[in-house]
Amino acid sequence: MKDLKGIYAALLTPFNDDGSINFDSITKLVEFNIAQGLHGLYVCGSTGESPLMSEEERIAILRHVAKVVNGRIKLIAHVGTISTDSAVRMAKVAEQCAYDAVSAVVPFYFSFSAEAIKGYYKDIIAATSLPMVIYNFPGSSGFNGMLDMVNELIDEPKLVGVKHTSVNLFDLERFKNLKKPLVVFNGFDEMLIGGLSMGADGGIGSTYNFMGKIILDIYNAFNKGDMAAAQAAQNKANRIIDAMIPYGVFAMEKAILTELGIPMGNCRKPFTPLSQEGWEVAKKIAKELK
């Protein structure tokens, strides 16, 4: 099992004007993230709009990203979806493409029982040789029992970590203190320093796509024990995030990256296009980051 700790961008998915995937921009975004010094990429997650894409599109992205990265940084493939069979097929592709791990959010919409969710994870884990990083996102999945679920699955040798996208930092700390050591990633960008202080081994975030250097400043300063510098960097990141929220975070992220030279297009419907006011704010943020 590889060391998965560190800072990963939750990779955005750029689209062309006709709604198709812009693979040229994916290449540019991957190279940009590598140049920022990030430790890895989390591919086809929530930030990547995976619920709005077909299985075939997600597989094409998994293959493309792996080809571009070519082993230079770590890769985690998010394969979570409502269908176990679909998740398993995507996990097998990730294995073929030499991803470092797979990850999966709980199957959503039907309010599946805990037993059904446990079976879903067991099936994905059994399908490949890859480590599993469970994706805990109760605010979107509606499932609030992940701490108990992970504890029940803890004896699975390939279960190695949790991506914890929640304001509940008590649960984050509890994930770090189960009977087997797990790699725990903080999920909310605006709370990275809080997650690190409660034991997180790194973070996975969407704004890392364009302010990775600021995020790395938080991570590196924290690990050196320089809390004042870590807090200053978190404050800088949060000021930018706060400016983005009124206009829609994903749309703003795409606009900022477009202004930085990587055409990202719009988010897929039913997301709405960014307002002109939002674009003006995005331009100011991009100018600050250049």
C-alpha atoms as a PDB file:
ATOM      1  CA  MET A   1       0.000   0.000   0.000  1.00  0.00           C
ATOM      2  CA  LYS A   2       1.404   3.383  -1.034  1.00  0.00           C
ATOM      3  CA  ASP A   3       1.624   6.413   1.216  1.00  0.00           C
ATOM      4  CA  LEU A   4      -1.461   8.391   0.246  1.00  0.00           C
ATOM      5  CA  LYS A   5      -0.977  11.343   2.594  1.00  0.00           C
ATOM      6  CA  GLY A   6      -0.877  14.870   1.241  1.00  0.00           C
ATOM      7  CA  ILE A   7      -2.736  17.530  -0.707  1.00  0.00           C
ATOM      8  CA  TYR A   8      -4.902  16.474  -3.673  1.00  0.00           C
ATOM      9  CA  ALA A   9      -6.943  18.600  -6.040  1.00  0.00           C
ATOM     10  CA  ALA A  10     -10.467  17.324  -6.542  1.00  0.00           C
ATOM     11  CA  LEU A  11     -10.211  17.586 -10.302  1.00  0.00           C
ATOM     12  CA  LEU A  12     -12.766  19.728 -12.107  1.00  0.00           C
ATOM     13  CA  THR A  13     -14.168  18.567 -15.444  1.00  0.00           C
ATOM     14  CA  PRO A  14     -13.962  21.135 -18.266  1.00  0.00           C
ATOM     15  CA  PHE A  15     -16.660  21.034 -20.912  1.00  0.00           C
ATOM     16  CA  ASN A  16     -16.881  22.358 -24.460  1.00  0.00           C
ATOM     17  CA  ASP A  17     -19.673  24.680 -25.579  1.00  0.00           C
ATOM     18  CA  ASP A  18     -21.690  21.682 -26.784  1.00  0.00           C
ATOM     19  CA  GLY A  19     -21.438  20.018 -23.368  1.00  0.00           C
ATOM     20  CA  SER A  20     -18.861  17.412 -24.367  1.00  0.00           C
ATOM     21  CA  ILE A  21     -15.737  16.834 -22.276  1.00  0.00           C
ATOM     22  CA  ASN A  22     -12.816  19.098 -23.129  1.00  0.00           C
ATOM     23  CA  PHE A  23      -9.895  16.683 -22.928  1.00  0.00           C
ATOM     24  CA  ASP A  24      -7.372  19.303 -24.051  1.00  0.00           C
ATOM     25  CA  SER A  25      -8.280  21.397 -21.022  1.00  0.00           C
ATOM     26  CA  ILE A  26      -8.112  18.351 -18.750  1.00  0.00           C
ATOM     27  CA  THR A  27      -4.523  17.913 -19.909  1.00  0.00           C
ATOM     28  CA  LYS A  28      -3.768  21.569 -19.187  1.00  0.00           C
ATOM     29  CA  LEU A  29      -5.440  21.410 -15.775  1.00  0.00           C
ATOM     30  CA  VAL A  30      -3.541  18.271 -14.795  1.00  0.00           C
ATOM     31  CA  GLU A  31      -0.241  19.863 -15.820  1.00  0.00           C
ATOM     32  CA  PHE A  32      -1.159  23.046 -13.935  1.00  0.00           C
ATOM     33  CA  ASN A  33      -1.852  21.056 -10.777  1.00  0.00           C
ATOM     34  CA  ILE A  34       1.413  19.166 -11.090  1.00  0.00           C
ATOM     35  CA  ALA A  35       3.246  22.490 -11.530  1.00  0.00           C
ATOM     36  CA  GLN A  36       1.579  23.804  -8.362  1.00  0.00           C
ATOM     37  CA  GLY A  37       3.348  21.034  -6.475  1.00  0.00           C
ATOM     38  CA  LEU A  38       0.277  19.090  -5.379  1.00  0.00           C
ATOM     39  CA  HIS A  39       0.759  15.528  -4.189  1.00  0.00           C
ATOM     40  CA  GLY A  40      -2.118  14.033  -6.129  1.00  0.00           C
ATOM     41  CA  LEU A  41      -5.469  14.260  -7.889  1.00  0.00           C
ATOM     42  CA  TYR A  42      -8.893  12.957  -6.874  1.00  0.00           C
ATOM     43  CA  VAL A  43     -10.556  12.187 -10.194  1.00  0.00           C
ATOM     44  CA  CYS A  44     -14.286  12.130 -11.023  1.00  0.00           C
ATOM     45  CA  GLY A  45     -15.526  13.186  -7.612  1.00  0.00           C
ATOM     46  CA  SER A  46     -18.259  15.662  -6.710  1.00  0.00           C
ATOM     47  CA  THR A  47     -16.151  18.554  -7.990  1.00  0.00           C
ATOM     48  CA  GLY A  48     -15.763  16.723 -11.284  1.00  0.00           C
ATOM     49  CA  GLU A  49     -19.577  16.670 -11.639  1.00  0.00           C
ATOM     50  CA  SER A  50     -19.492  12.880 -11.788  1.00  0.00           C
ATOM     51  CA  PRO A  51     -23.221  12.454 -11.003  1.00  0.00           C
ATOM     52  CA  LEU A  52     -23.926  14.437 -14.180  1.00  0.00           C
ATOM     53  CA  MET A  53     -21.777  12.209 -16.384  1.00  0.00           C
ATOM     54  CA  SER A  54     -22.274   8.778 -17.877  1.00  0.00           C
ATOM     55  CA  GLU A  55     -20.177   5.808 -16.834  1.00  0.00           C
ATOM     56  CA  GLU A  56     -18.496   5.897 -20.242  1.00  0.00           C
ATOM     57  CA  GLU A  57     -17.531   9.540 -19.798  1.00  0.00           C
ATOM     58  CA  ARG A  58     -16.108   8.902 -16.363  1.00  0.00           C
ATOM     59  CA  ILE A  59     -14.071   5.969 -17.665  1.00  0.00           C
ATOM     60  CA  ALA A  60     -12.719   8.126 -20.494  1.00  0.00           C
ATOM     61  CA  ILE A  61     -11.611  10.751 -17.963  1.00  0.00           C
ATOM     62  CA  LEU A  62      -9.999   8.148 -15.701  1.00  0.00           C
ATOM     63  CA  ARG A  63      -8.005   6.800 -18.632  1.00  0.00           C
ATOM     64  CA  HIS A  64      -7.018  10.234 -19.932  1.00  0.00           C
ATOM     65  CA  VAL A  65      -5.844  11.587 -16.575  1.00  0.00           C
ATOM     66  CA  ALA A  66      -3.771   8.475 -15.890  1.00  0.00           C
ATOM     67  CA  LYS A  67      -2.116   8.783 -19.298  1.00  0.00           C
ATOM     68  CA  VAL A  68      -1.278  12.463 -18.750  1.00  0.00           C
ATOM     69  CA  VAL A  69       0.016  11.961 -15.206  1.00  0.00           C
ATOM     70  CA  ASN A  70       2.091   8.916 -16.135  1.00  0.00           C
ATOM     71  CA  GLY A  71       3.083   8.210 -12.538  1.00  0.00           C
ATOM     72  CA  ARG A  72       4.280  11.722 -11.665  1.00  0.00           C
ATOM     73  CA  ILE A  73       1.810  12.251  -8.800  1.00  0.00           C
ATOM     74  CA  LYS A  74      -0.662  10.077  -6.918  1.00  0.00           C
ATOM     75  CA  LEU A  75      -4.116   9.358  -8.294  1.00  0.00           C
ATOM     76  CA  ILE A  76      -7.321   8.381  -6.523  1.00  0.00           C
ATOM     77  CA  ALA A  77     -10.253   7.383  -8.730  1.00  0.00           C
ATOM     78  CA  HIS A  78     -13.699   8.177  -7.395  1.00  0.00           C
ATOM     79  CA  VAL A  79     -15.961   5.398  -8.654  1.00  0.00           C
ATOM     80  CA  GLY A  80     -18.922   5.911  -6.350  1.00  0.00           C
ATOM     81  CA  THR A  81     -22.405   5.904  -7.852  1.00  0.00           C
ATOM     82  CA  ILE A  82     -25.871   4.513  -7.218  1.00  0.00           C
ATOM     83  CA  SER A  83     -25.109   1.205  -8.973  1.00  0.00           C
ATOM     84  CA  THR A  84     -22.677  -1.305  -7.474  1.00  0.00           C
ATOM     85  CA  ASP A  85     -22.067  -2.901 -10.877  1.00  0.00           C
ATOM     86  CA  SER A  86     -21.154   0.459 -12.414  1.00  0.00           C
ATOM     87  CA  ALA A  87     -18.851   1.308  -9.515  1.00  0.00           C
ATOM     88  CA  VAL A  88     -17.108  -2.046  -9.871  1.00  0.00           C
ATOM     89  CA  ARG A  89     -16.591  -1.560 -13.608  1.00  0.00           C
ATOM     90  CA  MET A  90     -15.021   1.856 -13.032  1.00  0.00           C
ATOM     91  CA  ALA A  91     -12.842   0.479 -10.234  1.00  0.00           C
ATOM     92  CA  LYS A  92     -11.492  -2.170 -12.588  1.00  0.00           C
ATOM     93  CA  VAL A  93     -10.609   0.516 -15.122  1.00  0.00           C
ATOM     94  CA  ALA A  94      -8.795   2.449 -12.380  1.00  0.00           C
ATOM     95  CA  GLU A  95      -6.798  -0.679 -11.588  1.00  0.00           C
ATOM     96  CA  GLN A  96      -5.925  -1.159 -15.268  1.00  0.00           C
ATOM     97  CA  CYS A  97      -4.742   2.451 -15.381  1.00  0.00           C
ATOM     98  CA  ALA A  98      -2.511   2.011 -12.303  1.00  0.00           C
ATOM     99  CA  TYR A  99      -4.378   4.376  -9.995  1.00  0.00           C
ATOM    100  CA  ASP A 100      -3.063   4.413  -6.440  1.00  0.00           C
ATOM    101  CA  ALA A 101      -6.480   3.926  -4.853  1.00  0.00           C
ATOM    102  CA  VAL A 102     -10.201   3.972  -5.491  1.00  0.00           C
ATOM    103  CA  SER A 103     -12.778   5.934  -3.545  1.00  0.00           C
ATOM    104  CA  ALA A 104     -16.553   5.830  -3.371  1.00  0.00           C
ATOM    105  CA  VAL A 105     -19.360   7.842  -1.876  1.00  0.00           C
ATOM    106  CA  VAL A 106     -22.331   5.855  -0.570  1.00  0.00           C
ATOM    107  CA  PRO A 107     -25.009   4.872  -3.108  1.00  0.00           C
ATOM    108  CA  PHE A 108     -27.582   7.638  -2.943  1.00  0.00           C
ATOM    109  CA  TYR A 109     -31.238   8.425  -3.757  1.00  0.00           C
ATOM    110  CA  PHE A 110     -32.890   5.225  -2.466  1.00  0.00           C
ATOM    111  CA  SER A 111     -31.927   5.593   1.209  1.00  0.00           C
ATOM    112  CA  PHE A 112     -30.280   2.179   1.200  1.00  0.00           C
ATOM    113  CA  SER A 113     -29.961   0.275   4.464  1.00  0.00           C
ATOM    114  CA  ALA A 114     -26.638   0.181   6.285  1.00  0.00           C
ATOM    115  CA  GLU A 115     -26.354  -3.488   5.355  1.00  0.00           C
ATOM    116  CA  ALA A 116     -26.820  -2.674   1.673  1.00  0.00           C
ATOM    117  CA  ILE A 117     -24.218   0.092   1.852  1.00  0.00           C
ATOM    118  CA  LYS A 118     -21.763  -2.237   3.569  1.00  0.00           C
ATOM    119  CA  GLY A 119     -22.297  -4.791   0.802  1.00  0.00           C
ATOM    120  CA  TYR A 120     -21.675  -2.096  -1.809  1.00  0.00           C
ATOM    121  CA  TYR A 121     -18.297  -1.241  -0.271  1.00  0.00           C
ATOM    122  CA  LYS A 122     -17.338  -4.883   0.154  1.00  0.00           C
ATOM    123  CA  ASP A 123     -18.080  -5.551  -3.516  1.00  0.00           C
ATOM    124  CA  ILE A 124     -15.978  -2.610  -4.710  1.00  0.00           C
ATOM    125  CA  ILE A 125     -13.118  -3.522  -2.389  1.00  0.00           C
ATOM    126  CA  ALA A 126     -13.181  -7.148  -3.560  1.00  0.00           C
ATOM    127  CA  ALA A 127     -13.228  -6.218  -7.258  1.00  0.00           C
ATOM    128  CA  THR A 128      -9.633  -4.969  -7.486  1.00  0.00           C
ATOM    129  CA  SER A 129      -6.271  -5.022  -5.747  1.00  0.00           C
ATOM    130  CA  LEU A 130      -6.450  -1.263  -5.112  1.00  0.00           C
ATOM    131  CA  PRO A 131      -6.745   0.343  -1.676  1.00  0.00           C
ATOM    132  CA  MET A 132     -10.113   1.900  -0.815  1.00  0.00           C
ATOM    133  CA  VAL A 133     -10.644   5.427   0.508  1.00  0.00           C
ATOM    134  CA  ILE A 134     -14.272   5.704   1.603  1.00  0.00           C
ATOM    135  CA  TYR A 135     -15.885   9.050   0.797  1.00  0.00           C
ATOM    136  CA  ASN A 136     -17.913  10.387   3.707  1.00  0.00           C
ATOM    137  CA  PHE A 137     -20.119  13.261   2.494  1.00  0.00           C
ATOM    138  CA  PRO A 138     -23.263  13.202   4.647  1.00  0.00           C
ATOM    139  CA  GLY A 139     -24.455  16.621   3.492  1.00  0.00           C
ATOM    140  CA  SER A 140     -24.927  15.323  -0.064  1.00  0.00           C
ATOM    141  CA  SER A 141     -25.352  11.584   0.394  1.00  0.00           C
ATOM    142  CA  GLY A 142     -27.804  11.820   3.284  1.00  0.00           C
ATOM    143  CA  PHE A 143     -26.007   9.001   5.106  1.00  0.00           C
ATOM    144  CA  ASN A 144     -24.901   9.911   8.626  1.00  0.00           C
ATOM    145  CA  GLY A 145     -23.646   6.550   9.859  1.00  0.00           C
ATOM    146  CA  MET A 146     -20.214   6.419   8.231  1.00  0.00           C
ATOM    147  CA  LEU A 147     -18.220   6.197  11.449  1.00  0.00           C
ATOM    148  CA  ASP A 148     -20.034   2.992  12.393  1.00  0.00           C
ATOM    149  CA  MET A 149     -19.824   1.749   8.798  1.00  0.00           C
ATOM    150  CA  VAL A 150     -16.058   2.224   8.618  1.00  0.00           C
ATOM    151  CA  ASN A 151     -15.684   0.567  12.005  1.00  0.00           C
ATOM    152  CA  GLU A 152     -17.593  -2.464  10.691  1.00  0.00           C
ATOM    153  CA  LEU A 153     -15.376  -2.607   7.598  1.00  0.00           C
ATOM    154  CA  ILE A 154     -12.124  -1.944   9.440  1.00  0.00           C
ATOM    155  CA  ASP A 155     -10.855  -5.517   9.098  1.00  0.00           C
ATOM    156  CA  GLU A 156     -10.912  -5.258   5.297  1.00  0.00           C
ATOM    157  CA  PRO A 157      -7.160  -5.187   4.493  1.00  0.00           C
ATOM    158  CA  LYS A 158      -7.634  -2.896   1.500  1.00  0.00           C
ATOM    159  CA  LEU A 159      -9.629  -0.289   3.423  1.00  0.00           C
ATOM    160  CA  VAL A 160      -6.949   2.342   4.023  1.00  0.00           C
ATOM    161  CA  GLY A 161      -8.634   5.708   4.369  1.00  0.00           C
ATOM    162  CA  VAL A 162     -11.542   8.111   4.528  1.00  0.00           C
ATOM    163  CA  LYS A 163     -12.245  11.362   2.724  1.00  0.00           C
ATOM    164  CA  HIS A 164     -14.211  13.309   5.314  1.00  0.00           C
ATOM    165  CA  THR A 165     -16.275  16.131   3.824  1.00  0.00           C
ATOM    166  CA  SER A 166     -18.126  17.289   6.891  1.00  0.00           C
ATOM    167  CA  VAL A 167     -17.993  20.036   9.500  1.00  0.00           C
ATOM    168  CA  ASN A 168     -18.031  17.290  12.152  1.00  0.00           C
ATOM    169  CA  LEU A 169     -14.367  17.308  13.138  1.00  0.00           C
ATOM    170  CA  PHE A 170     -15.106  15.083  16.108  1.00  0.00           C
ATOM    171  CA  ASP A 171     -15.909  12.276  13.647  1.00  0.00           C
ATOM    172  CA  LEU A 172     -12.703  13.069  11.760  1.00  0.00           C
ATOM    173  CA  GLU A 173     -10.737  12.553  14.957  1.00  0.00           C
ATOM    174  CA  ARG A 174     -12.634   9.333  15.647  1.00  0.00           C
ATOM    175  CA  PHE A 175     -11.750   7.988  12.179  1.00  0.00           C
ATOM    176  CA  LYS A 176      -8.101   8.481  13.136  1.00  0.00           C
ATOM    177  CA  ASN A 177      -8.509   6.448  16.298  1.00  0.00           C
ATOM    178  CA  LEU A 178     -10.152   3.227  15.172  1.00  0.00           C
ATOM    179  CA  LYS A 179      -8.343  -0.039  15.796  1.00  0.00           C
ATOM    180  CA  LYS A 180      -6.451   0.211  12.484  1.00  0.00           C
ATOM    181  CA  PRO A 181      -4.634   3.381  11.357  1.00  0.00           C
ATOM    182  CA  LEU A 182      -6.391   5.061   8.435  1.00  0.00           C
ATOM    183  CA  VAL A 183      -5.348   7.899   6.158  1.00  0.00           C
ATOM    184  CA  VAL A 184      -7.944  10.634   6.688  1.00  0.00           C
ATOM    185  CA  PHE A 185      -8.395  13.529   4.283  1.00  0.00           C
ATOM    186  CA  ASN A 186     -10.090  16.772   5.236  1.00  0.00           C
ATOM    187  CA  GLY A 187     -12.772  17.575   2.673  1.00  0.00           C
ATOM    188  CA  PHE A 188     -13.926  21.164   3.209  1.00  0.00           C
ATOM    189  CA  ASP A 189     -11.278  23.545   1.867  1.00  0.00           C
ATOM    190  CA  GLU A 190     -12.214  26.340   4.274  1.00  0.00           C
ATOM    191  CA  MET A 191     -11.571  24.053   7.256  1.00  0.00           C
ATOM    192  CA  LEU A 192      -8.246  22.466   6.284  1.00  0.00           C
ATOM    193  CA  ILE A 193      -6.312  23.809   9.279  1.00  0.00           C
ATOM    194  CA  GLY A 194      -9.098  22.557  11.569  1.00  0.00           C
ATOM    195  CA  GLY A 195      -9.013  19.111   9.995  1.00  0.00           C
ATOM    196  CA  LEU A 196      -5.227  18.941  10.284  1.00  0.00           C
ATOM    197  CA  SER A 197      -5.419  19.938  13.932  1.00  0.00           C
ATOM    198  CA  MET A 198      -7.815  17.035  14.559  1.00  0.00           C
ATOM    199  CA  GLY A 199      -5.483  14.541  12.914  1.00  0.00           C
ATOM    200  CA  ALA A 200      -6.111  14.684   9.157  1.00  0.00           C
ATOM    201  CA  ASP A 201      -3.236  13.460   7.005  1.00  0.00           C
ATOM    202  CA  GLY A 202      -3.958  15.911   4.210  1.00  0.00           C
ATOM    203  CA  GLY A 203      -6.792  17.370   2.233  1.00  0.00           C
ATOM    204  CA  ILE A 204      -8.776  16.876  -0.960  1.00  0.00           C
ATOM    205  CA  GLY A 205     -10.400  20.026  -2.268  1.00  0.00           C
ATOM    206  CA  SER A 206     -11.822  21.764  -5.303  1.00  0.00           C
ATOM    207  CA  THR A 207     -10.217  25.181  -4.836  1.00  0.00           C
ATOM    208  CA  TYR A 208      -6.852  23.429  -4.773  1.00  0.00           C
ATOM    209  CA  ASN A 209      -7.133  23.423  -8.587  1.00  0.00           C
ATOM    210  CA  PHE A 210      -6.181  27.106  -8.691  1.00  0.00           C
ATOM    211  CA  MET A 211      -4.836  28.015  -5.249  1.00  0.00           C
ATOM    212  CA  GLY A 212      -2.809  24.908  -4.579  1.00  0.00           C
ATOM    213  CA  LYS A 213       0.194  26.972  -3.496  1.00  0.00           C
ATOM    214  CA  ILE A 214      -1.835  28.661  -0.757  1.00  0.00           C
ATOM    215  CA  ILE A 215      -3.187  25.294   0.371  1.00  0.00           C
ATOM    216  CA  LEU A 216       0.323  23.838   0.420  1.00  0.00           C
ATOM    217  CA  ASP A 217       1.393  26.797   2.540  1.00  0.00           C
ATOM    218  CA  ILE A 218      -1.255  25.780   5.092  1.00  0.00           C
ATOM    219  CA  TYR A 219      -0.189  22.128   5.013  1.00  0.00           C
ATOM    220  CA  ASN A 220       3.564  22.732   5.126  1.00  0.00           C
ATOM    221  CA  ALA A 221       3.404  25.417   7.808  1.00  0.00           C
ATOM    222  CA  PHE A 222       1.166  23.217   9.965  1.00  0.00           C
ATOM    223  CA  ASN A 223       3.547  20.275   9.635  1.00  0.00           C
ATOM    224  CA  LYS A 224       6.456  22.519  10.659  1.00  0.00           C
ATOM    225  CA  GLY A 225       4.549  23.688  13.716  1.00  0.00           C
ATOM    226  CA  ASP A 226       4.254  27.257  12.441  1.00  0.00           C
ATOM    227  CA  MET A 227       0.620  27.804  13.339  1.00  0.00           C
ATOM    228  CA  ALA A 228       0.713  31.546  12.706  1.00  0.00           C
ATOM    229  CA  ALA A 229       1.789  31.008   9.088  1.00  0.00           C
ATOM    230  CA  ALA A 230      -0.733  28.194   8.644  1.00  0.00           C
ATOM    231  CA  GLN A 231      -3.525  30.393   9.965  1.00  0.00           C
ATOM    232  CA  ALA A 232      -2.470  33.302   7.762  1.00  0.00           C
ATOM    233  CA  ALA A 233      -2.592  31.078   4.682  1.00  0.00           C
ATOM    234  CA  GLN A 234      -5.975  29.647   5.707  1.00  0.00           C
ATOM    235  CA  ASN A 235      -7.289  33.187   6.172  1.00  0.00           C
ATOM    236  CA  LYS A 236      -6.103  34.063   2.659  1.00  0.00           C
ATOM    237  CA  ALA A 237      -7.782  30.998   1.185  1.00  0.00           C
ATOM    238  CA  ASN A 238     -10.998  31.669   3.077  1.00  0.00           C
ATOM    239  CA  ARG A 239     -11.194  35.254   1.906  1.00  0.00           C
ATOM    240  CA  ILE A 240     -11.147  33.963  -1.684  1.00  0.00           C
ATOM    241  CA  ILE A 241     -13.664  31.203  -0.932  1.00  0.00           C
ATOM    242  CA  ASP A 242     -15.974  33.680   0.783  1.00  0.00           C
ATOM    243  CA  ALA A 243     -15.943  35.886  -2.334  1.00  0.00           C
ATOM    244  CA  MET A 244     -16.889  32.868  -4.500  1.00  0.00           C
ATOM    245  CA  ILE A 245     -19.792  31.444  -2.504  1.00  0.00           C
ATOM    246  CA  PRO A 246     -22.539  33.924  -3.523  1.00  0.00           C
ATOM    247  CA  TYR A 247     -22.107  33.020  -7.204  1.00  0.00           C
ATOM    248  CA  GLY A 248     -21.801  29.219  -7.044  1.00  0.00           C
ATOM    249  CA  VAL A 249     -18.474  27.623  -6.155  1.00  0.00           C
ATOM    250  CA  PHE A 250     -18.076  25.223  -9.100  1.00  0.00           C
ATOM    251  CA  ALA A 251     -18.980  27.885 -11.667  1.00  0.00           C
ATOM    252  CA  MET A 252     -16.597  30.331 -10.012  1.00  0.00           C
ATOM    253  CA  GLU A 253     -13.784  27.791  -9.958  1.00  0.00           C
ATOM    254  CA  LYS A 254     -14.217  27.201 -13.665  1.00  0.00           C
ATOM    255  CA  ALA A 255     -14.286  30.928 -14.389  1.00  0.00           C
ATOM    256  CA  ILE A 256     -11.128  31.557 -12.360  1.00  0.00           C
ATOM    257  CA  LEU A 257      -9.276  28.792 -14.181  1.00  0.00           C
ATOM    258  CA  THR A 258     -10.538  30.092 -17.525  1.00  0.00           C
ATOM    259  CA  GLU A 259      -9.130  33.503 -16.595  1.00  0.00           C
ATOM    260  CA  LEU A 260      -5.857  31.769 -15.709  1.00  0.00           C
ATOM    261  CA  GLY A 261      -5.665  30.367 -19.242  1.00  0.00           C
ATOM    262  CA  ILE A 262      -7.403  26.992 -19.002  1.00  0.00           C
ATOM    263  CA  PRO A 263     -10.792  27.052 -20.807  1.00  0.00           C
ATOM    264  CA  MET A 264     -13.271  25.262 -18.534  1.00  0.00           C
ATOM    265  CA  GLY A 265     -16.700  26.026 -20.000  1.00  0.00           C
ATOM    266  CA  ASN A 266     -19.881  25.931 -17.936  1.00  0.00           C
ATOM    267  CA  CYS A 267     -21.017  23.367 -15.411  1.00  0.00           C
ATOM    268  CA  ARG A 268     -23.519  20.855 -16.719  1.00  0.00           C
ATOM    269  CA  LYS A 269     -27.221  21.492 -16.356  1.00  0.00           C
ATOM    270  CA  PRO A 270     -29.123  21.819 -14.123  1.00  0.00           C
ATOM    271  CA  PHE A 271     -26.301  24.064 -12.848  1.00  0.00           C
ATOM    272  CA  THR A 272     -26.820  27.549 -14.237  1.00  0.00           C
ATOM    273  CA  PRO A 273     -24.182  29.652 -16.016  1.00  0.00           C
ATOM    274  CA  LEU A 274     -22.171  32.121 -13.990  1.00  0.00           C
ATOM    275  CA  SER A 275     -23.585  35.643 -13.819  1.00  0.00           C
ATOM    276  CA  GLN A 276     -21.701  38.609 -15.253  1.00  0.00           C
ATOM    277  CA  GLU A 277     -21.180  39.883 -11.708  1.00  0.00           C
ATOM    278  CA  GLY A 278     -19.645  36.520 -10.816  1.00  0.00           C
ATOM    279  CA  TRP A 279     -17.309  36.738 -13.797  1.00  0.00           C
ATOM    280  CA  GLU A 280     -16.056  40.118 -12.636  1.00  0.00           C
ATOM    281  CA  VAL A 281     -15.273  38.691  -9.202  1.00  0.00           C
ATOM    282  CA  ALA A 282     -13.577  35.684 -10.828  1.00  0.00           C
ATOM    283  CA  LYS A 283     -11.392  38.009 -12.894  1.00  0.00           C
ATOM    284  CA  LYS A 284     -10.263  39.846  -9.761  1.00  0.00           C
ATOM    285  CA  ILE A 285      -9.430  36.580  -7.979  1.00  0.00           C
ATOM    286  CA  ALA A 286      -7.497  35.283 -10.994  1.00  0.00           C
ATOM    287  CA  LYS A 287      -5.549  38.538 -11.232  1.00  0.00           C
ATOM    288  CA  GLU A 288      -4.623  38.230  -7.553  1.00  0.00           C
ATOM    289  CA  LEU A 289      -3.418  34.655  -8.051  1.00  0.00           C
ATOM    290  CA  LYS A 290      -1.279  35.335 -11.129  1.00  0.00           C
END
